[in-house]
PDB file of N, CA and C in Angstrom:
ATOM      1  N   MET A   1       0.794  -1.238  -0.042  1.00  0.00           N
ATOM      2  CA  MET A   1      -0.023   0.067   0.129  1.00  0.00           C
ATOM      3  C   MET A   1       1.161   1.238  -0.100  1.00  0.00           C
ATOM      4  N   THR A   2       0.542   2.260  -0.883  1.00  0.00           N
ATOM      5  CA  THR A   2       1.130   3.495  -0.727  1.00  0.00           C
ATOM      6  C   THR A   2       0.829   4.415   0.124  1.00  0.00           C
ATOM      7  N   ASP A   3       1.680   5.279   0.472  1.00  0.00           N
ATOM      8  CA  ASP A   3       1.422   6.385   1.382  1.00  0.00           C
ATOM      9  C   ASP A   3       0.196   6.918   1.091  1.00  0.00           C
ATOM     10  N   SER A   4       0.353   7.490  -0.644  1.00  0.00           N
ATOM     11  CA  SER A   4      -1.019   8.166  -0.993  1.00  0.00           C
ATOM     12  C   SER A   4      -2.410   7.394  -0.799  1.00  0.00           C
ATOM     13  N   THR A   5      -2.509   6.069  -0.854  1.00  0.00           N
ATOM     14  CA  THR A   5      -3.696   5.191  -0.778  1.00  0.00           C
ATOM     15  C   THR A   5      -3.778   5.061   0.476  1.00  0.00           C
ATOM     16  N   PHE A   6      -3.209   4.833   1.371  1.00  0.00           N
ATOM     17  CA  PHE A   6      -3.568   4.986   3.022  1.00  0.00           C
ATOM     18  C   PHE A   6      -4.321   6.458   3.344  1.00  0.00           C
ATOM     19  N   GLU A   7      -3.759   7.586   3.081  1.00  0.00           N
ATOM     20  CA  GLU A   7      -4.231   8.787   3.143  1.00  0.00           C
ATOM     21  C   GLU A   7      -5.544   8.979   2.644  1.00  0.00           C
ATOM     22  N   ASP A   8      -5.648   8.582   1.369  1.00  0.00           N
ATOM     23  CA  ASP A   8      -6.860   8.782   0.698  1.00  0.00           C
ATOM     24  C   ASP A   8      -8.093   8.053   1.252  1.00  0.00           C
ATOM     25  N   LEU A   9      -7.441   6.754   1.667  1.00  0.00           N
ATOM     26  CA  LEU A   9      -8.613   6.083   2.624  1.00  0.00           C
ATOM     27  C   LEU A   9      -9.208   6.648   3.834  1.00  0.00           C
ATOM     28  N   CYS A  10      -8.023   7.141   4.543  1.00  0.00           N
ATOM     29  CA  CYS A  10      -8.491   7.694   5.901  1.00  0.00           C
ATOM     30  C   CYS A  10      -9.054   9.242   5.702  1.00  0.00           C
ATOM     31  N   ASP A  11      -8.619   9.451   4.549  1.00  0.00           N
ATOM     32  CA  ASP A  11      -9.650  11.188   4.139  1.00  0.00           C
ATOM     33  C   ASP A  11     -10.963  10.796   3.816  1.00  0.00           C
ATOM     34  N   ARG A  12     -11.287  10.153   2.958  1.00  0.00           N
ATOM     35  CA  ARG A  12     -12.527   9.585   2.214  1.00  0.00           C
ATOM     36  C   ARG A  12     -13.650   9.003   3.957  1.00  0.00           C
ATOM     37  N   PHE A  13     -12.663   8.137   4.863  1.00  0.00           N
ATOM     38  CA  PHE A  13     -13.602   7.480   5.978  1.00  0.00           C
ATOM     39  C   PHE A  13     -13.969   8.531   6.664  1.00  0.00           C
ATOM     40  N   GLU A  14     -12.772   9.524   7.085  1.00  0.00           N
ATOM     41  CA  GLU A  14     -13.022  10.657   7.893  1.00  0.00           C
ATOM     42  C   GLU A  14     -14.263  11.674   7.199  1.00  0.00           C
ATOM     43  N   ALA A  15     -14.146  11.988   5.851  1.00  0.00           N
ATOM     44  CA  ALA A  15     -15.089  13.014   5.055  1.00  0.00           C
ATOM     45  C   ALA A  15     -16.287  12.238   5.337  1.00  0.00           C
ATOM     46  N   ALA A  16     -16.638  11.005   5.369  1.00  0.00           N
ATOM     47  CA  ALA A  16     -18.104  10.236   5.206  1.00  0.00           C
ATOM     48  C   ALA A  16     -18.352  10.619   6.951  1.00  0.00           C
ATOM     49  N   TRP A  17     -17.742  10.468   7.634  1.00  0.00           N
ATOM     50  CA  TRP A  17     -18.198  10.481   9.192  1.00  0.00           C
ATOM     51  C   TRP A  17     -18.569  12.200   9.270  1.00  0.00           C
ATOM     52  N   CYS A  18     -17.757  13.244   8.540  1.00  0.00           N
ATOM     53  CA  CYS A  18     -18.258  14.514   8.694  1.00  0.00           C
ATOM     54  C   CYS A  18     -19.632  14.670   8.073  1.00  0.00           C
ATOM     55  N   ASP A  19     -19.821  14.033   7.226  1.00  0.00           N
ATOM     56  CA  ASP A  19     -21.125  14.157   6.383  1.00  0.00           C
ATOM     57  C   ASP A  19     -22.220  13.396   7.031  1.00  0.00           C
ATOM     58  N   GLY A  20     -22.094  12.804   8.249  1.00  0.00           N
ATOM     59  CA  GLY A  20     -23.199  11.922   8.700  1.00  0.00           C
ATOM     60  C   GLY A  20     -23.469  10.680   8.295  1.00  0.00           C
ATOM     61  N   GLN A  21     -22.517  10.118   7.500  1.00  0.00           N
ATOM     62  CA  GLN A  21     -22.485   8.949   6.986  1.00  0.00           C
ATOM     63  C   GLN A  21     -21.820   7.837   7.417  1.00  0.00           C
ATOM     64  N   PRO A  22     -21.263   7.632   8.445  1.00  0.00           N
ATOM     65  CA  PRO A  22     -20.048   6.733   8.931  1.00  0.00           C
ATOM     66  C   PRO A  22     -19.907   5.453   7.999  1.00  0.00           C
ATOM     67  N   PRO A  23     -18.966   5.098   7.474  1.00  0.00           N
ATOM     68  CA  PRO A  23     -18.992   3.773   6.633  1.00  0.00           C
ATOM     69  C   PRO A  23     -18.165   2.924   7.856  1.00  0.00           C
ATOM     70  N   SER A  24     -18.671   1.582   7.395  1.00  0.00           N
ATOM     71  CA  SER A  24     -18.092   0.477   7.984  1.00  0.00           C
ATOM     72  C   SER A  24     -16.747   0.561   7.904  1.00  0.00           C
ATOM     73  N   ILE A  25     -15.817   0.235   9.065  1.00  0.00           N
ATOM     74  CA  ILE A  25     -14.220   0.098   8.617  1.00  0.00           C
ATOM     75  C   ILE A  25     -14.069  -1.317   8.225  1.00  0.00           C
ATOM     76  N   GLU A  26     -14.737  -2.177   8.440  1.00  0.00           N
ATOM     77  CA  GLU A  26     -14.703  -3.442   7.581  1.00  0.00           C
ATOM     78  C   GLU A  26     -14.746  -3.344   6.009  1.00  0.00           C
ATOM     79  N   ASN A  27     -15.571  -2.586   5.591  1.00  0.00           N
ATOM     80  CA  ASN A  27     -15.649  -2.391   4.221  1.00  0.00           C
ATOM     81  C   ASN A  27     -14.493  -1.572   3.638  1.00  0.00           C
ATOM     82  N   VAL A  28     -13.868  -0.538   4.466  1.00  0.00           N
ATOM     83  CA  VAL A  28     -12.823   0.107   3.891  1.00  0.00           C
ATOM     84  C   VAL A  28     -11.634  -0.728   4.029  1.00  0.00           C
ATOM     85  N   LEU A  29     -11.442  -1.735   4.976  1.00  0.00           N
ATOM     86  CA  LEU A  29     -10.429  -2.637   4.907  1.00  0.00           C
ATOM     87  C   LEU A  29     -10.601  -3.379   3.821  1.00  0.00           C
ATOM     88  N   GLY A  30     -11.445  -3.889   3.421  1.00  0.00           N
ATOM     89  CA  GLY A  30     -11.490  -4.566   2.387  1.00  0.00           C
ATOM     90  C   GLY A  30     -11.376  -4.128   1.178  1.00  0.00           C
ATOM     91  N   GLU A  31     -10.800  -3.236   0.941  1.00  0.00           N
ATOM     92  CA  GLU A  31     -10.296  -2.286  -0.311  1.00  0.00           C
ATOM     93  C   GLU A  31      -8.719  -2.857  -0.449  1.00  0.00           C
ATOM     94  N   LEU A  32      -7.938  -3.116   0.803  1.00  0.00           N
ATOM     95  CA  LEU A  32      -6.991  -3.628   0.785  1.00  0.00           C
ATOM     96  C   LEU A  32      -6.383  -5.066   0.908  1.00  0.00           C
ATOM     97  N   ALA A  33      -5.164  -5.361   0.575  1.00  0.00           N
ATOM     98  CA  ALA A  33      -4.679  -6.788   0.663  1.00  0.00           C
ATOM     99  C   ALA A  33      -4.693  -7.269   2.372  1.00  0.00           C
ATOM    100  N   VAL A  34      -4.681  -8.311   2.810  1.00  0.00           N
ATOM    101  CA  VAL A  34      -5.005  -8.775   3.932  1.00  0.00           C
ATOM    102  C   VAL A  34      -3.424  -8.319   4.602  1.00  0.00           C
ATOM    103  N   GLY A  35      -2.378  -8.318   4.057  1.00  0.00           N
ATOM    104  CA  GLY A  35      -1.154  -7.857   4.875  1.00  0.00           C
ATOM    105  C   GLY A  35      -1.079  -6.345   4.838  1.00  0.00           C
ATOM    106  N   ASP A  36      -1.838  -5.486   4.377  1.00  0.00           N
ATOM    107  CA  ASP A  36      -1.579  -3.985   4.364  1.00  0.00           C
ATOM    108  C   ASP A  36      -2.655  -3.284   5.222  1.00  0.00           C
ATOM    109  N   ARG A  37      -3.634  -4.234   6.077  1.00  0.00           N
ATOM    110  CA  ARG A  37      -4.664  -3.887   6.837  1.00  0.00           C
ATOM    111  C   ARG A  37      -4.532  -3.141   8.008  1.00  0.00           C
ATOM    112  N   ASP A  38      -3.565  -4.043   8.991  1.00  0.00           N
ATOM    113  CA  ASP A  38      -3.142  -3.483  10.465  1.00  0.00           C
ATOM    114  C   ASP A  38      -2.770  -1.962  10.519  1.00  0.00           C
ATOM    115  N   PRO A  39      -1.792  -1.527   9.709  1.00  0.00           N
ATOM    116  CA  PRO A  39      -1.935   0.107  10.150  1.00  0.00           C
ATOM    117  C   PRO A  39      -3.404   0.843   9.606  1.00  0.00           C
ATOM    118  N   LEU A  40      -3.843   0.595   8.669  1.00  0.00           N
ATOM    119  CA  LEU A  40      -4.941   1.073   8.239  1.00  0.00           C
ATOM    120  C   LEU A  40      -6.071   0.677   9.297  1.00  0.00           C
ATOM    121  N   LEU A  41      -6.243  -0.192   9.639  1.00  0.00           N
ATOM    122  CA  LEU A  41      -7.240  -0.462  11.003  1.00  0.00           C
ATOM    123  C   LEU A  41      -7.174   0.503  12.035  1.00  0.00           C
ATOM    124  N   ARG A  42      -5.747   0.495  12.447  1.00  0.00           N
ATOM    125  CA  ARG A  42      -5.429   1.325  13.896  1.00  0.00           C
ATOM    126  C   ARG A  42      -5.627   2.809  13.127  1.00  0.00           C
ATOM    127  N   ALA A  43      -5.547   3.598  12.102  1.00  0.00           N
ATOM    128  CA  ALA A  43      -6.006   4.886  11.927  1.00  0.00           C
ATOM    129  C   ALA A  43      -7.081   4.765  11.854  1.00  0.00           C
ATOM    130  N   LEU A  44      -8.152   3.902  10.862  1.00  0.00           N
ATOM    131  CA  LEU A  44      -9.643   4.225  10.789  1.00  0.00           C
ATOM    132  C   LEU A  44     -10.477   4.201  12.272  1.00  0.00           C
ATOM    133  N   LEU A  45      -9.857   3.361  13.216  1.00  0.00           N
ATOM    134  CA  LEU A  45     -10.487   2.965  14.577  1.00  0.00           C
ATOM    135  C   LEU A  45      -9.875   4.298  15.180  1.00  0.00           C
ATOM    136  N   GLU A  46      -9.023   5.110  15.402  1.00  0.00           N
ATOM    137  CA  GLU A  46      -8.956   6.339  15.651  1.00  0.00           C
ATOM    138  C   GLU A  46      -9.640   7.192  15.469  1.00  0.00           C
ATOM    139  N   ILE A  47      -9.803   7.399  14.109  1.00  0.00           N
ATOM    140  CA  ILE A  47     -10.990   8.479  13.342  1.00  0.00           C
ATOM    141  C   ILE A  47     -11.923   8.126  13.936  1.00  0.00           C
ATOM    142  N   GLU A  48     -12.666   7.028  13.972  1.00  0.00           N
ATOM    143  CA  GLU A  48     -14.052   6.552  14.541  1.00  0.00           C
ATOM    144  C   GLU A  48     -14.153   6.656  15.900  1.00  0.00           C
ATOM    145  N   LEU A  49     -13.370   6.468  16.579  1.00  0.00           N
ATOM    146  CA  LEU A  49     -13.393   6.404  18.045  1.00  0.00           C
ATOM    147  C   LEU A  49     -13.636   7.975  18.380  1.00  0.00           C
ATOM    148  N   GLU A  50     -12.786   8.598  17.949  1.00  0.00           N
ATOM    149  CA  GLU A  50     -12.603  10.517  18.009  1.00  0.00           C
ATOM    150  C   GLU A  50     -14.243  10.932  17.712  1.00  0.00           C
ATOM    151  N   TYR A  51     -14.640  10.408  16.704  1.00  0.00           N
ATOM    152  CA  TYR A  51     -16.185  10.957  16.319  1.00  0.00           C
ATOM    153  C   TYR A  51     -17.238  10.556  17.305  1.00  0.00           C
ATOM    154  N   ARG A  52     -16.991   9.236  17.521  1.00  0.00           N
ATOM    155  CA  ARG A  52     -17.799   8.602  18.651  1.00  0.00           C
ATOM    156  C   ARG A  52     -17.765   9.414  19.902  1.00  0.00           C
ATOM    157  N   PHE A  53     -16.733   9.505  20.574  1.00  0.00           N
ATOM    158  CA  PHE A  53     -16.604  10.182  21.853  1.00  0.00           C
ATOM    159  C   PHE A  53     -17.349  11.725  21.604  1.00  0.00           C
ATOM    160  N   GLU A  54     -16.821  12.500  20.751  1.00  0.00           N
ATOM    161  CA  GLU A  54     -17.298  13.467  20.574  1.00  0.00           C
ATOM    162  C   GLU A  54     -18.849  13.799  20.059  1.00  0.00           C
ATOM    163  N   SER A  55     -19.533  12.576  19.647  1.00  0.00           N
ATOM    164  CA  SER A  55     -21.042  12.421  19.511  1.00  0.00           C
ATOM    165  C   SER A  55     -21.757  12.234  20.615  1.00  0.00           C
ATOM    166  N   ASP A  56     -20.961  11.426  21.871  1.00  0.00           N
ATOM    167  CA  ASP A  56     -21.542  11.371  23.019  1.00  0.00           C
ATOM    168  C   ASP A  56     -21.896   9.797  22.636  1.00  0.00           C
ATOM    169  N   GLN A  57     -21.349   9.131  21.989  1.00  0.00           N
ATOM    170  CA  GLN A  57     -21.670   7.727  21.519  1.00  0.00           C
ATOM    171  C   GLN A  57     -20.436   6.972  21.916  1.00  0.00           C
ATOM    172  N   PRO A  58     -19.812   6.681  23.136  1.00  0.00           N
ATOM    173  CA  PRO A  58     -18.987   6.391  23.614  1.00  0.00           C
ATOM    174  C   PRO A  58     -18.556   4.660  23.109  1.00  0.00           C
ATOM    175  N   PRO A  59     -17.679   4.254  22.766  1.00  0.00           N
ATOM    176  CA  PRO A  59     -17.529   3.076  22.271  1.00  0.00           C
ATOM    177  C   PRO A  59     -17.351   1.813  23.028  1.00  0.00           C
ATOM    178  N   ALA A  60     -17.953   0.682  23.171  1.00  0.00           N
ATOM    179  CA  ALA A  60     -17.410  -0.297  24.056  1.00  0.00           C
ATOM    180  C   ALA A  60     -16.240  -1.108  23.693  1.00  0.00           C
ATOM    181  N   LEU A  61     -15.259  -1.366  24.327  1.00  0.00           N
ATOM    182  CA  LEU A  61     -14.052  -2.135  23.971  1.00  0.00           C
ATOM    183  C   LEU A  61     -14.711  -3.748  23.637  1.00  0.00           C
ATOM    184  N   GLU A  62     -15.596  -4.314  23.911  1.00  0.00           N
ATOM    185  CA  GLU A  62     -16.295  -5.635  23.552  1.00  0.00           C
ATOM    186  C   GLU A  62     -16.641  -5.436  22.362  1.00  0.00           C
ATOM    187  N   GLU A  63     -17.167  -4.354  21.780  1.00  0.00           N
ATOM    188  CA  GLU A  63     -17.899  -4.137  20.212  1.00  0.00           C
ATOM    189  C   GLU A  63     -16.761  -4.413  19.642  1.00  0.00           C
ATOM    190  N   TYR A  64     -15.770  -3.792  19.977  1.00  0.00           N
ATOM    191  CA  TYR A  64     -14.663  -3.547  18.719  1.00  0.00           C
ATOM    192  C   TYR A  64     -13.906  -5.200  18.836  1.00  0.00           C
ATOM    193  N   GLN A  65     -13.770  -5.596  20.076  1.00  0.00           N
ATOM    194  CA  GLN A  65     -13.325  -7.031  20.150  1.00  0.00           C
ATOM    195  C   GLN A  65     -13.668  -7.880  19.489  1.00  0.00           C
ATOM    196  N   SER A  66     -15.144  -7.927  19.249  1.00  0.00           N
ATOM    197  CA  SER A  66     -15.815  -8.863  18.609  1.00  0.00           C
ATOM    198  C   SER A  66     -15.900  -8.765  17.136  1.00  0.00           C
ATOM    199  N   ARG A  67     -15.936  -7.228  16.724  1.00  0.00           N
ATOM    200  CA  ARG A  67     -15.885  -7.040  15.434  1.00  0.00           C
ATOM    201  C   ARG A  67     -14.110  -7.576  14.689  1.00  0.00           C
ATOM    202  N   PHE A  68     -13.264  -7.343  15.751  1.00  0.00           N
ATOM    203  CA  PHE A  68     -11.785  -7.418  14.958  1.00  0.00           C
ATOM    204  C   PHE A  68     -11.108  -8.592  15.971  1.00  0.00           C
ATOM    205  N   PRO A  69     -11.564  -9.443  16.227  1.00  0.00           N
ATOM    206  CA  PRO A  69     -10.959 -10.393  17.018  1.00  0.00           C
ATOM    207  C   PRO A  69      -9.868 -10.951  16.879  1.00  0.00           C
ATOM    208  N   THR A  70      -9.090 -10.871  15.950  1.00  0.00           N
ATOM    209  CA  THR A  70      -7.598 -11.378  15.619  1.00  0.00           C
ATOM    210  C   THR A  70      -6.808  -9.761  15.762  1.00  0.00           C
ATOM    211  N   GLN A  71      -7.390  -8.689  16.032  1.00  0.00           N
ATOM    212  CA  GLN A  71      -6.426  -7.296  16.058  1.00  0.00           C
ATOM    213  C   GLN A  71      -6.523  -6.896  17.591  1.00  0.00           C
ATOM    214  N   ARG A  72      -6.930  -7.746  18.529  1.00  0.00           N
ATOM    215  CA  ARG A  72      -7.204  -7.064  19.856  1.00  0.00           C
ATOM    216  C   ARG A  72      -6.408  -6.118  20.359  1.00  0.00           C
ATOM    217  N   ALA A  73      -4.727  -6.360  20.071  1.00  0.00           N
ATOM    218  CA  ALA A  73      -3.658  -5.356  20.536  1.00  0.00           C
ATOM    219  C   ALA A  73      -4.049  -4.022  19.904  1.00  0.00           C
ATOM    220  N   ILE A  74      -4.551  -4.093  18.372  1.00  0.00           N
ATOM    221  CA  ILE A  74      -4.603  -2.925  17.603  1.00  0.00           C
ATOM    222  C   ILE A  74      -5.839  -2.000  18.393  1.00  0.00           C
ATOM    223  N   VAL A  75      -6.914  -2.680  18.525  1.00  0.00           N
ATOM    224  CA  VAL A  75      -8.186  -2.077  19.172  1.00  0.00           C
ATOM    225  C   VAL A  75      -7.863  -1.641  20.466  1.00  0.00           C
ATOM    226  N   GLY A  76      -7.089  -2.255  21.284  1.00  0.00           N
ATOM    227  CA  GLY A  76      -6.654  -1.392  22.493  1.00  0.00           C
ATOM    228  C   GLY A  76      -5.780  -0.475  22.344  1.00  0.00           C
ATOM    229  N   ALA A  77      -4.732  -0.243  21.576  1.00  0.00           N
ATOM    230  CA  ALA A  77      -3.856   0.589  21.291  1.00  0.00           C
ATOM    231  C   ALA A  77      -4.729   1.841  20.971  1.00  0.00           C
ATOM    232  N   ALA A  78      -5.960   1.861  20.112  1.00  0.00           N
ATOM    233  CA  ALA A  78      -6.328   2.978  19.350  1.00  0.00           C
ATOM    234  C   ALA A  78      -7.324   3.627  20.421  1.00  0.00           C
ATOM    235  N   LEU A  79      -7.834   2.509  21.368  1.00  0.00           N
ATOM    236  CA  LEU A  79      -8.847   2.909  22.510  1.00  0.00           C
ATOM    237  C   LEU A  79      -8.408   3.543  23.453  1.00  0.00           C
ATOM    238  N   ALA A  80      -6.973   3.224  23.611  1.00  0.00           N
ATOM    239  CA  ALA A  80      -5.939   4.190  24.979  1.00  0.00           C
ATOM    240  C   ALA A  80      -5.435   5.197  24.196  1.00  0.00           C
ATOM    241  N   VAL A  81      -5.155   5.712  22.789  1.00  0.00           N
ATOM    242  CA  VAL A  81      -4.883   7.189  22.476  1.00  0.00           C
ATOM    243  C   VAL A  81      -5.949   7.963  22.250  1.00  0.00           C
ATOM    244  N   THR A  82      -7.082   7.368  22.139  1.00  0.00           N
ATOM    245  CA  THR A  82      -8.214   8.354  22.150  1.00  0.00           C
ATOM    246  C   THR A  82      -9.502   8.580  23.182  1.00  0.00           C
ATOM    247  N   ARG A  83      -9.070   7.984  24.597  1.00  0.00           N
ATOM    248  CA  ARG A  83      -9.362   8.371  25.528  1.00  0.00           C
ATOM    249  C   ARG A  83      -9.115   9.801  26.047  1.00  0.00           C
TER     250      ARG A  83
END
């Protein structure tokens, strides 16, 4: 994945949140090869968590761990950064 692809995906994801139409992280990740997904997952989680906290929709750790069961460390790190 190139830096521009990474930034484009993050920008599109954040723009959708700003427009009130938050996309699914899983759908955005599906645009990349499996080996390129972990860095993007962390970035998208941080964006989503920030918007959820700002809109009084606090996320539950369990929700994200069930959505991303093999990336629990990434989920935990993203939650720690955005709290």
